[in-house]
C-alpha atoms as a PDB file:
ATOM      1  CA  MET A   1       0.000   0.000   0.000  1.00  0.00           C
ATOM      2  CA  ALA A   2       1.202   3.515  -0.780  1.00  0.00           C
ATOM      3  CA  GLU A   3       2.001   6.081   1.871  1.00  0.00           C
ATOM      4  CA  GLU A   4      -0.935   6.467   4.244  1.00  0.00           C
ATOM      5  CA  LYS A   5      -3.209   9.411   3.605  1.00  0.00           C
ATOM      6  CA  GLN A   6      -4.882  11.050   6.585  1.00  0.00           C
ATOM      7  CA  PHE A   7      -8.493  12.160   6.237  1.00  0.00           C
ATOM      8  CA  VAL A   8      -8.930  15.872   6.942  1.00  0.00           C
ATOM      9  CA  ALA A   9     -12.303  17.585   6.794  1.00  0.00           C
ATOM     10  CA  THR A  10     -12.208  20.610   4.504  1.00  0.00           C
ATOM     11  CA  ASP A  11     -13.065  24.086   5.742  1.00  0.00           C
ATOM     12  CA  GLU A  12     -16.209  23.940   3.611  1.00  0.00           C
ATOM     13  CA  ALA A  13     -17.238  20.640   5.180  1.00  0.00           C
ATOM     14  CA  LYS A  14     -16.586  22.012   8.667  1.00  0.00           C
ATOM     15  CA  GLY A  15     -18.653  25.099   7.880  1.00  0.00           C
ATOM     16  CA  LYS A  16     -21.554  22.986   6.625  1.00  0.00           C
ATOM     17  CA  ALA A  17     -21.300  20.717   9.664  1.00  0.00           C
ATOM     18  CA  LYS A  18     -21.384  23.721  11.994  1.00  0.00           C
ATOM     19  CA  GLN A  19     -24.515  25.007  10.286  1.00  0.00           C
ATOM     20  CA  LEU A  20     -26.233  21.616  10.553  1.00  0.00           C
ATOM     21  CA  ARG A  21     -25.326  21.371  14.236  1.00  0.00           C
ATOM     22  CA  MET A  22     -26.828  24.776  14.925  1.00  0.00           C
ATOM     23  CA  PHE A  23     -30.111  23.681  13.313  1.00  0.00           C
ATOM     24  CA  ALA A  24     -30.003  20.400  15.231  1.00  0.00           C
ATOM     25  CA  ILE A  25     -29.487  22.169  18.559  1.00  0.00           C
ATOM     26  CA  LEU A  26     -32.314  24.562  17.737  1.00  0.00           C
ATOM     27  CA  ALA A  27     -34.643  21.635  17.020  1.00  0.00           C
ATOM     28  CA  TRP A  28     -33.691  19.990  20.323  1.00  0.00           C
ATOM     29  CA  LEU A  29     -34.165  23.210  22.290  1.00  0.00           C
ATOM     30  CA  VAL A  30     -37.641  23.669  20.827  1.00  0.00           C
ATOM     31  CA  ALA A  31     -38.402  20.034  21.658  1.00  0.00           C
ATOM     32  CA  ILE A  32     -37.349  20.564  25.287  1.00  0.00           C
ATOM     33  CA  ALA A  33     -39.389  23.771  25.418  1.00  0.00           C
ATOM     34  CA  GLY A  34     -42.362  21.750  24.181  1.00  0.00           C
ATOM     35  CA  GLU A  35     -41.723  19.209  26.910  1.00  0.00           C
ATOM     36  CA  VAL A  36     -41.707  21.945  29.562  1.00  0.00           C
ATOM     37  CA  PHE A  37     -44.956  23.352  28.164  1.00  0.00           C
ATOM     38  CA  ALA A  38     -46.542  19.887  28.226  1.00  0.00           C
ATOM     39  CA  ILE A  39     -45.438  19.353  31.831  1.00  0.00           C
ATOM     40  CA  LEU A  40     -46.815  22.706  32.984  1.00  0.00           C
ATOM     41  CA  LYS A  41     -50.017  22.877  30.938  1.00  0.00           C
ATOM     42  CA  LEU A  42     -51.070  19.520  29.544  1.00  0.00           C
ATOM     43  CA  ILE A  43     -50.658  16.816  32.199  1.00  0.00           C
ATOM     44  CA  ASN A  44     -54.277  16.479  33.260  1.00  0.00           C
ATOM     45  CA  ASN A  45     -57.270  14.359  32.371  1.00  0.00           C
ATOM     46  CA  ASP A  46     -58.924  17.045  30.235  1.00  0.00           C
ATOM     47  CA  THR A  47     -56.055  17.573  27.811  1.00  0.00           C
ATOM     48  CA  LEU A  48     -55.118  13.994  26.863  1.00  0.00           C
ATOM     49  CA  THR A  49     -55.489  14.649  23.137  1.00  0.00           C
ATOM     50  CA  TRP A  50     -53.324  17.761  23.254  1.00  0.00           C
ATOM     51  CA  LEU A  51     -50.750  15.934  25.381  1.00  0.00           C
ATOM     52  CA  ILE A  52     -50.433  13.228  22.726  1.00  0.00           C
ATOM     53  CA  VAL A  53     -50.154  15.899  20.027  1.00  0.00           C
ATOM     54  CA  ALA A  54     -47.392  17.572  22.022  1.00  0.00           C
ATOM     55  CA  ILE A  55     -45.533  14.264  22.358  1.00  0.00           C
ATOM     56  CA  ALA A  56     -45.776  13.758  18.591  1.00  0.00           C
ATOM     57  CA  VAL A  57     -44.387  17.238  17.908  1.00  0.00           C
ATOM     58  CA  ILE A  58     -41.553  16.730  20.392  1.00  0.00           C
ATOM     59  CA  LEU A  59     -40.763  13.404  18.708  1.00  0.00           C
ATOM     60  CA  ALA A  60     -40.612  15.014  15.263  1.00  0.00           C
ATOM     61  CA  LEU A  61     -38.292  17.751  16.517  1.00  0.00           C
ATOM     62  CA  SER A  62     -36.067  15.275  18.359  1.00  0.00           C
ATOM     63  CA  ILE A  63     -35.703  13.035  15.290  1.00  0.00           C
ATOM     64  CA  THR A  64     -35.056  16.017  13.027  1.00  0.00           C
ATOM     65  CA  GLY A  65     -32.294  17.213  15.324  1.00  0.00           C
ATOM     66  CA  SER A  66     -30.739  13.744  15.458  1.00  0.00           C
ATOM     67  CA  LEU A  67     -30.719  13.308  11.679  1.00  0.00           C
ATOM     68  CA  LEU A  68     -29.128  16.726  11.165  1.00  0.00           C
ATOM     69  CA  TRP A  69     -26.543  15.986  13.842  1.00  0.00           C
ATOM     70  CA  LYS A  70     -25.640  12.628  12.284  1.00  0.00           C
ATOM     71  CA  LYS A  71     -25.201  14.281   8.901  1.00  0.00           C
ATOM     72  CA  SER A  72     -22.902  16.889  10.443  1.00  0.00           C
ATOM     73  CA  ASN A  73     -20.776  14.128  12.003  1.00  0.00           C
ATOM     74  CA  LYS A  74     -20.259  12.560   8.585  1.00  0.00           C
ATOM     75  CA  LEU A  75     -18.959  15.872   7.311  1.00  0.00           C
ATOM     76  CA  ASP A  76     -16.694  16.581  10.281  1.00  0.00           C
ATOM     77  CA  PRO A  77     -16.116  13.397  12.302  1.00  0.00           C
ATOM     78  CA  ALA A  78     -14.470  13.196  15.695  1.00  0.00           C
ATOM     79  CA  SER A  79     -11.294  11.248  16.449  1.00  0.00           C
ATOM     80  CA  GLU A  80     -11.541   7.941  18.303  1.00  0.00           C
ATOM     81  CA  LYS A  81      -8.463   8.978  20.281  1.00  0.00           C
ATOM     82  CA  ASP A  82     -10.541  11.586  22.133  1.00  0.00           C
ATOM     83  CA  THR A  83     -12.882   9.048  23.700  1.00  0.00           C
ATOM     84  CA  VAL A  84     -15.133  11.477  25.590  1.00  0.00           C
ATOM     85  CA  ARG A  85     -15.688  13.807  22.663  1.00  0.00           C
ATOM     86  CA  PHE A  86     -16.095  10.851  20.293  1.00  0.00           C
ATOM     87  CA  PHE A  87     -18.850   9.333  22.446  1.00  0.00           C
ATOM     88  CA  VAL A  88     -20.701  12.573  23.163  1.00  0.00           C
ATOM     89  CA  GLN A  89     -20.501  13.867  19.589  1.00  0.00           C
ATOM     90  CA  ASN A  90     -21.811  10.628  18.085  1.00  0.00           C
ATOM     91  CA  GLN A  91     -24.440   9.769  20.711  1.00  0.00           C
ATOM     92  CA  LEU A  92     -25.738  13.246  21.479  1.00  0.00           C
ATOM     93  CA  GLY A  93     -28.960  12.454  19.615  1.00  0.00           C
ATOM     94  CA  ALA A  94     -29.757   9.644  22.054  1.00  0.00           C
ATOM     95  CA  ILE A  95     -28.850  11.859  25.024  1.00  0.00           C
ATOM     96  CA  MET A  96     -31.158  14.624  23.806  1.00  0.00           C
ATOM     97  CA  ALA A  97     -33.948  12.102  23.212  1.00  0.00           C
ATOM     98  CA  VAL A  98     -33.771  11.123  26.871  1.00  0.00           C
ATOM     99  CA  LEU A  99     -33.805  14.777  27.959  1.00  0.00           C
ATOM    100  CA  SER A 100     -36.753  15.495  25.665  1.00  0.00           C
ATOM    101  CA  PHE A 101     -38.976  12.698  26.953  1.00  0.00           C
ATOM    102  CA  LEU A 102     -37.872  11.031  30.182  1.00  0.00           C
ATOM    103  CA  PRO A 103     -38.934  13.826  32.613  1.00  0.00           C
ATOM    104  CA  LEU A 104     -42.310  14.066  30.889  1.00  0.00           C
ATOM    105  CA  VAL A 105     -42.867  10.291  30.990  1.00  0.00           C
ATOM    106  CA  ILE A 106     -41.891  10.102  34.666  1.00  0.00           C
ATOM    107  CA  LEU A 107     -44.254  12.933  35.591  1.00  0.00           C
ATOM    108  CA  ILE A 108     -47.120  11.335  33.654  1.00  0.00           C
ATOM    109  CA  PHE A 109     -46.783   8.043  35.538  1.00  0.00           C
ATOM    110  CA  THR A 110     -46.213   9.657  38.958  1.00  0.00           C
ATOM    111  CA  ASN A 111     -48.888  12.370  38.750  1.00  0.00           C
ATOM    112  CA  LYS A 112     -51.519  11.544  41.392  1.00  0.00           C
ATOM    113  CA  ASN A 113     -54.132  13.729  39.685  1.00  0.00           C
ATOM    114  CA  LEU A 114     -54.271  11.601  36.532  1.00  0.00           C
ATOM    115  CA  ASP A 115     -56.641   8.661  36.241  1.00  0.00           C
ATOM    116  CA  GLY A 116     -55.434   5.243  35.162  1.00  0.00           C
ATOM    117  CA  LYS A 117     -56.693   5.567  31.592  1.00  0.00           C
ATOM    118  CA  THR A 118     -54.848   8.855  30.987  1.00  0.00           C
ATOM    119  CA  LYS A 119     -51.663   7.483  32.537  1.00  0.00           C
ATOM    120  CA  GLY A 120     -51.857   4.352  30.430  1.00  0.00           C
ATOM    121  CA  ILE A 121     -52.469   6.115  27.103  1.00  0.00           C
ATOM    122  CA  ALA A 122     -50.250   9.166  27.541  1.00  0.00           C
ATOM    123  CA  GLY A 123     -47.522   7.227  29.347  1.00  0.00           C
ATOM    124  CA  GLY A 124     -47.520   4.469  26.740  1.00  0.00           C
ATOM    125  CA  VAL A 125     -47.278   6.975  23.882  1.00  0.00           C
ATOM    126  CA  GLY A 126     -44.498   8.783  25.732  1.00  0.00           C
ATOM    127  CA  VAL A 127     -42.495   5.578  26.264  1.00  0.00           C
ATOM    128  CA  VAL A 128     -42.827   4.592  22.592  1.00  0.00           C
ATOM    129  CA  ALA A 129     -41.755   8.102  21.539  1.00  0.00           C
ATOM    130  CA  LEU A 130     -38.765   7.962  23.917  1.00  0.00           C
ATOM    131  CA  LEU A 131     -37.641   4.609  22.534  1.00  0.00           C
ATOM    132  CA  LEU A 132     -38.096   5.693  18.912  1.00  0.00           C
ATOM    133  CA  ALA A 133     -36.242   8.972  19.418  1.00  0.00           C
ATOM    134  CA  GLY A 134     -33.491   7.150  21.295  1.00  0.00           C
ATOM    135  CA  ILE A 135     -33.010   4.560  18.552  1.00  0.00           C
ATOM    136  CA  VAL A 136     -32.902   7.202  15.819  1.00  0.00           C
ATOM    137  CA  GLY A 137     -30.547   9.340  17.894  1.00  0.00           C
ATOM    138  CA  THR A 138     -28.113   6.489  18.559  1.00  0.00           C
ATOM    139  CA  ASP A 139     -25.344   6.095  15.993  1.00  0.00           C
ATOM    140  CA  PHE A 140     -24.593   2.373  15.858  1.00  0.00           C
ATOM    141  CA  ASN A 141     -21.789   2.846  13.316  1.00  0.00           C
ATOM    142  CA  PRO A 142     -20.334   6.266  14.106  1.00  0.00           C
ATOM    143  CA  PRO A 143     -17.925   7.950  11.685  1.00  0.00           C
ATOM    144  CA  SER A 144     -14.439   8.863  12.796  1.00  0.00           C
ATOM    145  CA  ILE A 145     -11.268  10.340  11.376  1.00  0.00           C
ATOM    146  CA  GLU A 146      -9.572   6.964  11.803  1.00  0.00           C
ATOM    147  CA  LYS A 147     -12.384   5.085  10.056  1.00  0.00           C
ATOM    148  CA  TYR A 148     -12.358   7.463   7.097  1.00  0.00           C
ATOM    149  CA  THR A 149      -8.565   7.311   6.930  1.00  0.00           C
ATOM    150  CA  ASP A 150      -8.636   3.499   6.792  1.00  0.00           C
ATOM    151  CA  GLN A 151     -11.311   3.530   4.102  1.00  0.00           C
ATOM    152  CA  ILE A 152      -9.490   6.118   2.000  1.00  0.00           C
ATOM    153  CA  ASN A 153      -6.251   4.151   2.099  1.00  0.00           C
ATOM    154  CA  ALA A 154      -7.938   0.822   1.409  1.00  0.00           C
ATOM    155  CA  GLN A 155      -9.841   2.313  -1.522  1.00  0.00           C
ATOM    156  CA  THR A 156      -6.733   4.080  -2.841  1.00  0.00           C
ATOM    157  CA  ASP A 157      -4.947   0.745  -2.789  1.00  0.00           C
ATOM    158  CA  SER A 158      -7.832  -0.907  -4.672  1.00  0.00           C
ATOM    159  CA  VAL A 159      -7.935   1.875  -7.273  1.00  0.00           C
ATOM    160  CA  THR A 160      -4.186   1.843  -7.923  1.00  0.00           C
ATOM    161  CA  GLN A 161      -4.265  -1.913  -8.351  1.00  0.00           C
ATOM    162  CA  LEU A 162      -6.860  -1.462 -11.100  1.00  0.00           C
ATOM    163  CA  THR A 163      -4.992   1.433 -12.726  1.00  0.00           C
ATOM    164  CA  ASN A 164      -1.389   0.225 -12.414  1.00  0.00           C
ATOM    165  CA  GLY A 165      -0.521   2.776  -9.762  1.00  0.00           C
ATOM    166  CA  ILE A 166      -2.459   5.804 -11.008  1.00  0.00           C
ATOM    167  CA  ASP A 167      -4.418   7.451  -8.192  1.00  0.00           C
ATOM    168  CA  LYS A 168      -6.806   9.531 -10.265  1.00  0.00           C
ATOM    169  CA  VAL A 169     -10.598   9.470 -10.140  1.00  0.00           C
ATOM    170  CA  TYR A 170     -13.532  11.600 -11.293  1.00  0.00           C
ATOM    171  CA  TRP A 171     -16.632  12.734  -9.429  1.00  0.00           C
ATOM    172  CA  THR A 172     -19.563  15.137  -9.667  1.00  0.00           C
ATOM    173  CA  ASN A 173     -21.381  17.283  -7.137  1.00  0.00           C
ATOM    174  CA  GLN A 174     -24.080  14.638  -6.599  1.00  0.00           C
ATOM    175  CA  GLY A 175     -24.079  11.157  -5.140  1.00  0.00           C
ATOM    176  CA  ASN A 176     -21.334   9.370  -3.226  1.00  0.00           C
ATOM    177  CA  LYS A 177     -19.552   7.577  -6.086  1.00  0.00           C
ATOM    178  CA  TYR A 178     -16.243   8.400  -7.739  1.00  0.00           C
ATOM    179  CA  HIS A 179     -15.247   7.027 -11.140  1.00  0.00           C
ATOM    180  CA  LEU A 180     -12.198   5.740 -12.976  1.00  0.00           C
ATOM    181  CA  PHE A 181     -13.388   6.962 -16.381  1.00  0.00           C
ATOM    182  CA  ALA A 182     -14.458  10.474 -17.309  1.00  0.00           C
ATOM    183  CA  ASP A 183     -16.689   8.982 -20.010  1.00  0.00           C
ATOM    184  CA  CYS A 184     -18.554   6.666 -17.606  1.00  0.00           C
ATOM    185  CA  TYR A 185     -22.189   6.969 -18.625  1.00  0.00           C
ATOM    186  CA  HIS A 186     -23.176   7.856 -15.057  1.00  0.00           C
ATOM    187  CA  ILE A 187     -21.249  11.167 -15.261  1.00  0.00           C
ATOM    188  CA  LYS A 188     -20.454  11.628 -18.963  1.00  0.00           C
ATOM    189  CA  ASN A 189     -22.602  14.709 -19.549  1.00  0.00           C
ATOM    190  CA  ARG A 190     -22.256  16.271 -16.103  1.00  0.00           C
ATOM    191  CA  GLU A 191     -19.830  18.711 -14.566  1.00  0.00           C
ATOM    192  CA  GLN A 192     -16.870  16.716 -13.295  1.00  0.00           C
ATOM    193  CA  HIS A 193     -13.961  17.097 -10.896  1.00  0.00           C
ATOM    194  CA  ALA A 194     -10.752  15.094 -10.965  1.00  0.00           C
ATOM    195  CA  GLY A 195      -8.193  14.225  -8.310  1.00  0.00           C
ATOM    196  CA  THR A 196      -7.066  11.469  -5.962  1.00  0.00           C
ATOM    197  CA  VAL A 197      -9.335   9.161  -4.009  1.00  0.00           C
ATOM    198  CA  LYS A 198      -8.582  11.291  -0.942  1.00  0.00           C
ATOM    199  CA  ASP A 199      -9.564  14.417  -2.871  1.00  0.00           C
ATOM    200  CA  ALA A 200     -12.833  12.772  -3.881  1.00  0.00           C
ATOM    201  CA  TRP A 201     -13.643  11.829  -0.290  1.00  0.00           C
ATOM    202  CA  GLU A 202     -12.928  15.271   1.082  1.00  0.00           C
ATOM    203  CA  ALA A 203     -14.726  17.052  -1.758  1.00  0.00           C
ATOM    204  CA  ARG A 204     -17.833  14.871  -1.496  1.00  0.00           C
ATOM    205  CA  ARG A 205     -18.718  16.458   1.868  1.00  0.00           C
ATOM    206  CA  ILE A 206     -21.233  13.668   2.531  1.00  0.00           C
ATOM    207  CA  GLY A 207     -19.258  11.087   4.450  1.00  0.00           C
ATOM    208  CA  ASP A 208     -18.528   7.668   2.959  1.00  0.00           C
ATOM    209  CA  SER A 209     -17.625   7.539  -0.738  1.00  0.00           C
ATOM    210  CA  GLU A 210     -17.046   4.519  -2.936  1.00  0.00           C
ATOM    211  CA  LEU A 211     -15.915   3.467  -6.397  1.00  0.00           C
ATOM    212  CA  CYS A 212     -18.519   3.252  -9.158  1.00  0.00           C
ATOM    213  CA  LEU A 213     -19.273  -0.432  -9.770  1.00  0.00           C
ATOM    214  CA  THR A 214     -19.582   0.138 -13.537  1.00  0.00           C
ATOM    215  CA  CYS A 215     -16.095   1.669 -13.665  1.00  0.00           C
ATOM    216  CA  LYS A 216     -14.674  -1.093 -11.489  1.00  0.00           C
ATOM    217  CA  GLN A 217     -16.033  -3.833 -13.739  1.00  0.00           C
ATOM    218  CA  ARG A 218     -14.829  -2.018 -16.849  1.00  0.00           C
ATOM    219  CA  ALA A 219     -11.329  -1.583 -15.399  1.00  0.00           C
ATOM    220  CA  GLU A 220     -11.172  -5.232 -14.328  1.00  0.00           C
ATOM    221  CA  LYS A 221     -12.148  -6.333 -17.827  1.00  0.00           C
ATOM    222  CA  MET A 222      -9.487  -4.091 -19.425  1.00  0.00           C
ATOM    223  CA  LYS A 223      -6.808  -5.242 -16.984  1.00  0.00           C
ATOM    224  CA  SER A 224      -7.699  -8.856 -17.647  1.00  0.00           C
ATOM    225  CA  ALA A 225      -7.369  -8.306 -21.390  1.00  0.00           C
ATOM    226  CA  ILE A 226      -4.150  -6.235 -21.167  1.00  0.00           C
ATOM    227  CA  PRO A 227      -2.539  -6.699 -17.716  1.00  0.00           C
ATOM    228  CA  SER A 228      -0.014  -3.875 -18.204  1.00  0.00           C
ATOM    229  CA  ALA A 229      -2.566  -1.316 -19.457  1.00  0.00           C
ATOM    230  CA  ALA A 230      -3.328   1.724 -17.317  1.00  0.00           C
ATOM    231  CA  VAL A 231      -7.037   2.535 -17.370  1.00  0.00           C
ATOM    232  CA  ASN A 232      -6.692   6.090 -16.164  1.00  0.00           C
ATOM    233  CA  PRO A 233      -6.552   8.548 -17.880  1.00  0.00           C
ATOM    234  CA  LEU A 234      -8.892   7.487 -20.664  1.00  0.00           C
ATOM    235  CA  PRO A 235      -7.647   4.657 -22.872  1.00  0.00           C
ATOM    236  CA  LYS A 236      -6.940   5.435 -26.513  1.00  0.00           C
ATOM    237  CA  GLU A 237     -10.040   3.711 -27.816  1.00  0.00           C
ATOM    238  CA  HIS A 238     -12.167   6.257 -25.931  1.00  0.00           C
ATOM    239  CA  VAL A 239     -10.364   9.348 -27.208  1.00  0.00           C
ATOM    240  CA  PRO A 240     -12.513  11.102 -29.880  1.00  0.00           C
ATOM    241  CA  VAL A 241     -11.193  10.597 -33.425  1.00  0.00           C
ATOM    242  CA  PRO A 242     -11.246  13.683 -35.720  1.00  0.00           C
ATOM    243  CA  ALA A 243     -13.747  13.514 -38.588  1.00  0.00           C
ATOM    244  CA  GLY A 244     -12.311  12.201 -41.851  1.00  0.00           C
ATOM    245  CA  ASN A 245      -9.675   9.999 -40.221  1.00  0.00           C
END
């Protein structure tokens, strides 16, 4: 394998991640404010319907915040070496889910002024919402600088094996694939960028990237036919021939 390449989030990716985190925090703060409102105004037998509506709104805000936060972590991941930050940054969605629902659920079940039916319905809905928000907020496969670094180097090694040592790929502003051929039909008529596998990862700004399967199969077929042929840049048979020749 060639010299190891360290993943580094670009300034643009960090800026986008910061923006997403601000929106996520705002969603969570509104969710907690909704929880406080529900605790103060809605925990009684006469407002069961509105209490359930409030729980649904809090759930939507909690999930929205978690999804935005997860997306920001893909753009600007934490390092596994900083164990505290790594855990908090990647599991903050689950933590906020607990803060958004657990006090409300506890107060519903312990409120002596509520009848059994209201406790059962509202408490049950609250528990389901807590579990759902917690599951969505938990990142079971969190991104990290080390994980991205390993993937970049493994993929660079795979690409250079297909291209006889040439670390050059193409990508567009959409999707999460990079390509070995500029004339791949998936990107042929779209605005393209070219660079190394590491460049493609860092420019994608969406987290994990991977090689286009069509390009991989095409390169494998070419390499099988002519083992010493480099597939990147474009092979001669794909270079346009002037009219009349």
